[in-house]
PDB file of all heavy atoms in Angstrom:
ATOM      1  N   SER A   1      10.739  -0.675   3.210  1.00  0.00           N
ATOM      2  CA  SER A   1      12.089  -1.252   3.229  1.00  0.00           C
ATOM      3  C   SER A   1      12.541  -1.662   1.832  1.00  0.00           C
ATOM      4  O   SER A   1      13.711  -1.534   1.490  1.00  0.00           O
ATOM      5  CB  SER A   1      12.137  -2.489   4.135  1.00  0.00           C
ATOM      6  OG  SER A   1      11.850  -2.142   5.455  1.00  0.00           O
ATOM      7  N   LEU A   2      11.597  -2.158   1.044  1.00  0.00           N
ATOM      8  CA  LEU A   2      11.922  -2.624  -0.302  1.00  0.00           C
ATOM      9  C   LEU A   2      11.883  -1.495  -1.329  1.00  0.00           C
ATOM     10  O   LEU A   2      12.207  -1.714  -2.500  1.00  0.00           O
ATOM     11  CB  LEU A   2      10.960  -3.742  -0.718  1.00  0.00           C
ATOM     12  CG  LEU A   2      11.054  -5.019   0.117  1.00  0.00           C
ATOM     13  CD1 LEU A   2       9.967  -5.997  -0.284  1.00  0.00           C
ATOM     14  CD2 LEU A   2      12.430  -5.646  -0.017  1.00  0.00           C
ATOM     15  N   GLY A   3      11.502  -0.306  -0.901  1.00  0.00           N
ATOM     16  CA  GLY A   3      11.430   0.823  -1.825  1.00  0.00           C
ATOM     17  C   GLY A   3      10.324   0.659  -2.859  1.00  0.00           C
ATOM     18  O   GLY A   3      10.454   1.118  -3.991  1.00  0.00           O
ATOM     19  N   LEU A   4       9.233   0.000  -2.454  1.00  0.00           N
ATOM     20  CA  LEU A   4       8.115  -0.241  -3.367  1.00  0.00           C
ATOM     21  C   LEU A   4       6.964   0.701  -3.036  1.00  0.00           C
ATOM     22  O   LEU A   4       6.676   0.958  -1.867  1.00  0.00           O
ATOM     23  CB  LEU A   4       7.646  -1.694  -3.274  1.00  0.00           C
ATOM     24  CG  LEU A   4       8.683  -2.756  -3.624  1.00  0.00           C
ATOM     25  CD1 LEU A   4       8.115  -4.161  -3.402  1.00  0.00           C
ATOM     26  CD2 LEU A   4       9.172  -2.590  -5.049  1.00  0.00           C
ATOM     27  N   SER A   5       6.306   1.188  -4.061  1.00  0.00           N
ATOM     28  CA  SER A   5       5.185   2.103  -3.903  1.00  0.00           C
ATOM     29  C   SER A   5       3.956   1.364  -3.399  1.00  0.00           C
ATOM     30  O   SER A   5       3.504   0.393  -4.008  1.00  0.00           O
ATOM     31  CB  SER A   5       4.870   2.761  -5.250  1.00  0.00           C
ATOM     32  OG  SER A   5       3.588   3.348  -5.233  1.00  0.00           O
ATOM     33  N   ARG A   6       3.402   1.857  -2.309  1.00  0.00           N
ATOM     34  CA  ARG A   6       2.198   1.242  -1.745  1.00  0.00           C
ATOM     35  C   ARG A   6       1.055   1.286  -2.747  1.00  0.00           C
ATOM     36  O   ARG A   6       0.319   0.311  -2.924  1.00  0.00           O
ATOM     37  CB  ARG A   6       1.833   1.957  -0.453  1.00  0.00           C
ATOM     38  CG  ARG A   6       0.650   1.363   0.237  1.00  0.00           C
ATOM     39  CD  ARG A   6       0.443   2.034   1.604  1.00  0.00           C
ATOM     40  NE  ARG A   6      -0.881   1.742   2.074  1.00  0.00           N
ATOM     41  CZ  ARG A   6      -1.709   2.643   2.544  1.00  0.00           C
ATOM     42  NH1 ARG A   6      -1.362   3.904   2.623  1.00  0.00           N
ATOM     43  NH2 ARG A   6      -2.911   2.296   2.952  1.00  0.00           N
ATOM     44  N   ALA A   7       0.885   2.424  -3.425  1.00  0.00           N
ATOM     45  CA  ALA A   7      -0.207   2.577  -4.392  1.00  0.00           C
ATOM     46  C   ALA A   7      -0.052   1.601  -5.560  1.00  0.00           C
ATOM     47  O   ALA A   7      -1.020   0.966  -5.985  1.00  0.00           O
ATOM     48  CB  ALA A   7      -0.264   4.014  -4.898  1.00  0.00           C
ATOM     49  N   THR A   8       1.166   1.468  -6.068  1.00  0.00           N
ATOM     50  CA  THR A   8       1.411   0.564  -7.191  1.00  0.00           C
ATOM     51  C   THR A   8       1.150  -0.884  -6.795  1.00  0.00           C
ATOM     52  O   THR A   8       0.487  -1.628  -7.519  1.00  0.00           O
ATOM     53  CB  THR A   8       2.863   0.713  -7.695  1.00  0.00           C
ATOM     54  OG1 THR A   8       3.047   2.060  -8.136  1.00  0.00           O
ATOM     55  CG2 THR A   8       3.164  -0.249  -8.824  1.00  0.00           C
ATOM     56  N   ILE A   9       1.649  -1.275  -5.645  1.00  0.00           N
ATOM     57  CA  ILE A   9       1.468  -2.651  -5.187  1.00  0.00           C
ATOM     58  C   ILE A   9      -0.011  -2.926  -4.903  1.00  0.00           C
ATOM     59  O   ILE A   9      -0.536  -3.978  -5.277  1.00  0.00           O
ATOM     60  CB  ILE A   9       2.347  -2.959  -3.955  1.00  0.00           C
ATOM     61  CG1 ILE A   9       3.836  -2.773  -4.302  1.00  0.00           C
ATOM     62  CG2 ILE A   9       2.064  -4.358  -3.423  1.00  0.00           C
ATOM     63  CD1 ILE A   9       4.342  -3.586  -5.481  1.00  0.00           C
ATOM     64  N   SER A  10      -0.707  -1.991  -4.284  1.00  0.00           N
ATOM     65  CA  SER A  10      -2.137  -2.154  -4.022  1.00  0.00           C
ATOM     66  C   SER A  10      -2.916  -2.321  -5.320  1.00  0.00           C
ATOM     67  O   SER A  10      -3.813  -3.160  -5.416  1.00  0.00           O
ATOM     68  CB  SER A  10      -2.688  -0.962  -3.235  1.00  0.00           C
ATOM     69  OG  SER A  10      -2.127  -0.921  -1.953  1.00  0.00           O
ATOM     70  N   ARG A  11      -2.578  -1.534  -6.329  1.00  0.00           N
ATOM     71  CA  ARG A  11      -3.232  -1.639  -7.636  1.00  0.00           C
ATOM     72  C   ARG A  11      -2.968  -3.005  -8.252  1.00  0.00           C
ATOM     73  O   ARG A  11      -3.877  -3.662  -8.765  1.00  0.00           O
ATOM     74  CB  ARG A  11      -2.758  -0.529  -8.576  1.00  0.00           C
ATOM     75  CG  ARG A  11      -3.380  -0.603  -9.974  1.00  0.00           C
ATOM     76  CD  ARG A  11      -2.892   0.495 -10.914  1.00  0.00           C
ATOM     77  NE  ARG A  11      -1.471   0.796 -10.865  1.00  0.00           N
ATOM     78  CZ  ARG A  11      -0.521   0.072 -11.438  1.00  0.00           C
ATOM     79  NH1 ARG A  11      -0.817  -1.009 -12.105  1.00  0.00           N
ATOM     80  NH2 ARG A  11       0.749   0.430 -11.352  1.00  0.00           N
ATOM     81  N   LYS A  12      -1.727  -3.459  -8.181  1.00  0.00           N
ATOM     82  CA  LYS A  12      -1.376  -4.765  -8.756  1.00  0.00           C
ATOM     83  C   LYS A  12      -2.065  -5.902  -7.998  1.00  0.00           C
ATOM     84  O   LYS A  12      -2.473  -6.894  -8.595  1.00  0.00           O
ATOM     85  CB  LYS A  12       0.139  -4.953  -8.790  1.00  0.00           C
ATOM     86  CG  LYS A  12       0.798  -4.081  -9.847  1.00  0.00           C
ATOM     87  CD  LYS A  12       2.289  -4.324  -9.944  1.00  0.00           C
ATOM     88  CE  LYS A  12       2.882  -3.467 -11.057  1.00  0.00           C
ATOM     89  NZ  LYS A  12       4.245  -3.833 -11.379  1.00  0.00           N
ATOM     90  N   GLU A  13      -2.193  -5.760  -6.685  1.00  0.00           N
ATOM     91  CA  GLU A  13      -2.917  -6.769  -5.905  1.00  0.00           C
ATOM     92  C   GLU A  13      -4.386  -6.800  -6.316  1.00  0.00           C
ATOM     93  O   GLU A  13      -4.958  -7.869  -6.532  1.00  0.00           O
ATOM     94  CB  GLU A  13      -2.805  -6.487  -4.406  1.00  0.00           C
ATOM     95  CG  GLU A  13      -1.455  -6.801  -3.818  1.00  0.00           C
ATOM     96  CD  GLU A  13      -1.334  -6.372  -2.371  1.00  0.00           C
ATOM     97  OE1 GLU A  13      -1.904  -5.334  -1.971  1.00  0.00           O
ATOM     98  OE2 GLU A  13      -0.629  -7.081  -1.629  1.00  0.00           O
ATOM     99  N   LYS A  14      -4.987  -5.611  -6.423  1.00  0.00           N
ATOM    100  CA  LYS A  14      -6.404  -5.499  -6.797  1.00  0.00           C
ATOM    101  C   LYS A  14      -6.650  -6.079  -8.183  1.00  0.00           C
ATOM    102  O   LYS A  14      -7.636  -6.774  -8.419  1.00  0.00           O
ATOM    103  CB  LYS A  14      -6.831  -4.035  -6.748  1.00  0.00           C
ATOM    104  CG  LYS A  14      -8.277  -3.798  -7.092  1.00  0.00           C
ATOM    105  CD  LYS A  14      -8.623  -2.320  -7.031  1.00  0.00           C
ATOM    106  CE  LYS A  14      -9.924  -2.086  -7.753  1.00  0.00           C
ATOM    107  NZ  LYS A  14      -9.840  -1.000  -8.690  1.00  0.00           N
ATOM    108  N   ASP A  15      -5.742  -5.788  -9.113  1.00  0.00           N
ATOM    109  CA  ASP A  15      -5.880  -6.262 -10.490  1.00  0.00           C
ATOM    110  C   ASP A  15      -5.356  -7.682 -10.685  1.00  0.00           C
ATOM    111  O   ASP A  15      -5.428  -8.214 -11.789  1.00  0.00           O
ATOM    112  CB  ASP A  15      -5.130  -5.326 -11.451  1.00  0.00           C
ATOM    113  CG  ASP A  15      -5.695  -3.916 -11.470  1.00  0.00           C
ATOM    114  OD1 ASP A  15      -6.846  -3.723 -11.000  1.00  0.00           O
ATOM    115  OD2 ASP A  15      -4.996  -3.003 -11.935  1.00  0.00           O
ATOM    116  N   ALA A  16      -4.799  -8.279  -9.638  1.00  0.00           N
ATOM    117  CA  ALA A  16      -4.218  -9.628  -9.690  1.00  0.00           C
ATOM    118  C   ALA A  16      -3.174  -9.733 -10.803  1.00  0.00           C
ATOM    119  O   ALA A  16      -3.162 -10.673 -11.589  1.00  0.00           O
ATOM    120  CB  ALA A  16      -5.302 -10.695  -9.852  1.00  0.00           C
ATOM    121  N   THR A  17      -2.292  -8.740 -10.851  1.00  0.00           N
ATOM    122  CA  THR A  17      -1.228  -8.741 -11.856  1.00  0.00           C
ATOM    123  C   THR A  17       0.115  -9.081 -11.215  1.00  0.00           C
ATOM    124  O   THR A  17       0.268  -9.082  -9.999  1.00  0.00           O
ATOM    125  CB  THR A  17      -1.131  -7.379 -12.578  1.00  0.00           C
ATOM    126  OG1 THR A  17      -0.878  -6.358 -11.612  1.00  0.00           O
ATOM    127  CG2 THR A  17      -2.414  -7.049 -13.325  1.00  0.00           C
ATOM    128  N   MET A  18       1.066  -9.344 -12.073  1.00  0.00           N
ATOM    129  CA  MET A  18       2.401  -9.732 -11.624  1.00  0.00           C
ATOM    130  C   MET A  18       3.239  -8.497 -11.302  1.00  0.00           C
ATOM    131  O   MET A  18       3.060  -7.432 -11.896  1.00  0.00           O
ATOM    132  CB  MET A  18       3.097 -10.539 -12.715  1.00  0.00           C
ATOM    133  CG  MET A  18       2.315 -11.772 -13.157  1.00  0.00           C
ATOM    134  SD  MET A  18       2.037 -12.921 -11.827  1.00  0.00           S
ATOM    135  CE  MET A  18       3.361 -14.039 -12.127  1.00  0.00           C
ATOM    136  N   LEU A  19       4.188  -8.686 -10.395  1.00  0.00           N
ATOM    137  CA  LEU A  19       5.161  -7.640 -10.109  1.00  0.00           C
ATOM    138  C   LEU A  19       6.160  -7.581 -11.255  1.00  0.00           C
ATOM    139  O   LEU A  19       6.410  -8.577 -11.938  1.00  0.00           O
ATOM    140  CB  LEU A  19       5.893  -7.947  -8.797  1.00  0.00           C
ATOM    141  CG  LEU A  19       5.040  -7.999  -7.529  1.00  0.00           C
ATOM    142  CD1 LEU A  19       5.895  -8.407  -6.342  1.00  0.00           C
ATOM    143  CD2 LEU A  19       4.364  -6.663  -7.269  1.00  0.00           C
ATOM    144  N   SER A  20       6.768  -6.421 -11.434  1.00  0.00           N
ATOM    145  CA  SER A  20       7.817  -6.277 -12.441  1.00  0.00           C
ATOM    146  C   SER A  20       9.045  -7.088 -12.024  1.00  0.00           C
ATOM    147  O   SER A  20       9.128  -7.571 -10.894  1.00  0.00           O
ATOM    148  CB  SER A  20       8.212  -4.798 -12.569  1.00  0.00           C
ATOM    149  OG  SER A  20       8.893  -4.381 -11.385  1.00  0.00           O
ATOM    150  N   LYS A  21      10.005  -7.205 -12.918  1.00  0.00           N
ATOM    151  CA  LYS A  21      11.246  -7.921 -12.585  1.00  0.00           C
ATOM    152  C   LYS A  21      11.915  -7.301 -11.368  1.00  0.00           C
ATOM    153  O   LYS A  21      12.336  -8.007 -10.460  1.00  0.00           O
ATOM    154  CB  LYS A  21      12.216  -7.904 -13.772  1.00  0.00           C
ATOM    155  CG  LYS A  21      11.852  -8.857 -14.868  1.00  0.00           C
ATOM    156  CD  LYS A  21      12.968  -8.977 -15.880  1.00  0.00           C
ATOM    157  CE  LYS A  21      12.721  -8.051 -17.035  1.00  0.00           C
ATOM    158  NZ  LYS A  21      13.669  -8.206 -18.131  1.00  0.00           N
ATOM    159  N   ASP A  22      12.024  -5.979 -11.360  1.00  0.00           N
ATOM    160  CA  ASP A  22      12.679  -5.290 -10.253  1.00  0.00           C
ATOM    161  C   ASP A  22      11.936  -5.513  -8.938  1.00  0.00           C
ATOM    162  O   ASP A  22      12.539  -5.821  -7.911  1.00  0.00           O
ATOM    163  CB  ASP A  22      12.787  -3.790 -10.562  1.00  0.00           C
ATOM    164  CG  ASP A  22      13.462  -3.022  -9.447  1.00  0.00           C
ATOM    165  OD1 ASP A  22      14.620  -3.349  -9.108  1.00  0.00           O
ATOM    166  OD2 ASP A  22      12.831  -2.093  -8.899  1.00  0.00           O
ATOM    167  N   GLU A  23      10.617  -5.374  -8.962  1.00  0.00           N
ATOM    168  CA  GLU A  23       9.823  -5.583  -7.757  1.00  0.00           C
ATOM    169  C   GLU A  23       9.932  -7.034  -7.287  1.00  0.00           C
ATOM    170  O   GLU A  23      10.097  -7.296  -6.090  1.00  0.00           O
ATOM    171  CB  GLU A  23       8.351  -5.231  -8.032  1.00  0.00           C
ATOM    172  CG  GLU A  23       8.121  -3.762  -8.314  1.00  0.00           C
ATOM    173  CD  GLU A  23       6.787  -3.483  -8.999  1.00  0.00           C
ATOM    174  OE1 GLU A  23       6.198  -4.402  -9.617  1.00  0.00           O
ATOM    175  OE2 GLU A  23       6.350  -2.317  -8.933  1.00  0.00           O
ATOM    176  N   SER A  24       9.848  -7.969  -8.228  1.00  0.00           N
ATOM    177  CA  SER A  24       9.956  -9.389  -7.894  1.00  0.00           C
ATOM    178  C   SER A  24      11.307  -9.703  -7.263  1.00  0.00           C
ATOM    179  O   SER A  24      11.389 -10.442  -6.281  1.00  0.00           O
ATOM    180  CB  SER A  24       9.760 -10.251  -9.148  1.00  0.00           C
ATOM    181  OG  SER A  24       8.456 -10.118  -9.656  1.00  0.00           O
TER     182      SER A  24
END
């Protein structure tokens, strides 16, 4: 729904990194 990539978000979750401005 948010147009966010599952792979990108999973990687960011795994790496404990912040979302980009657009994603946030």
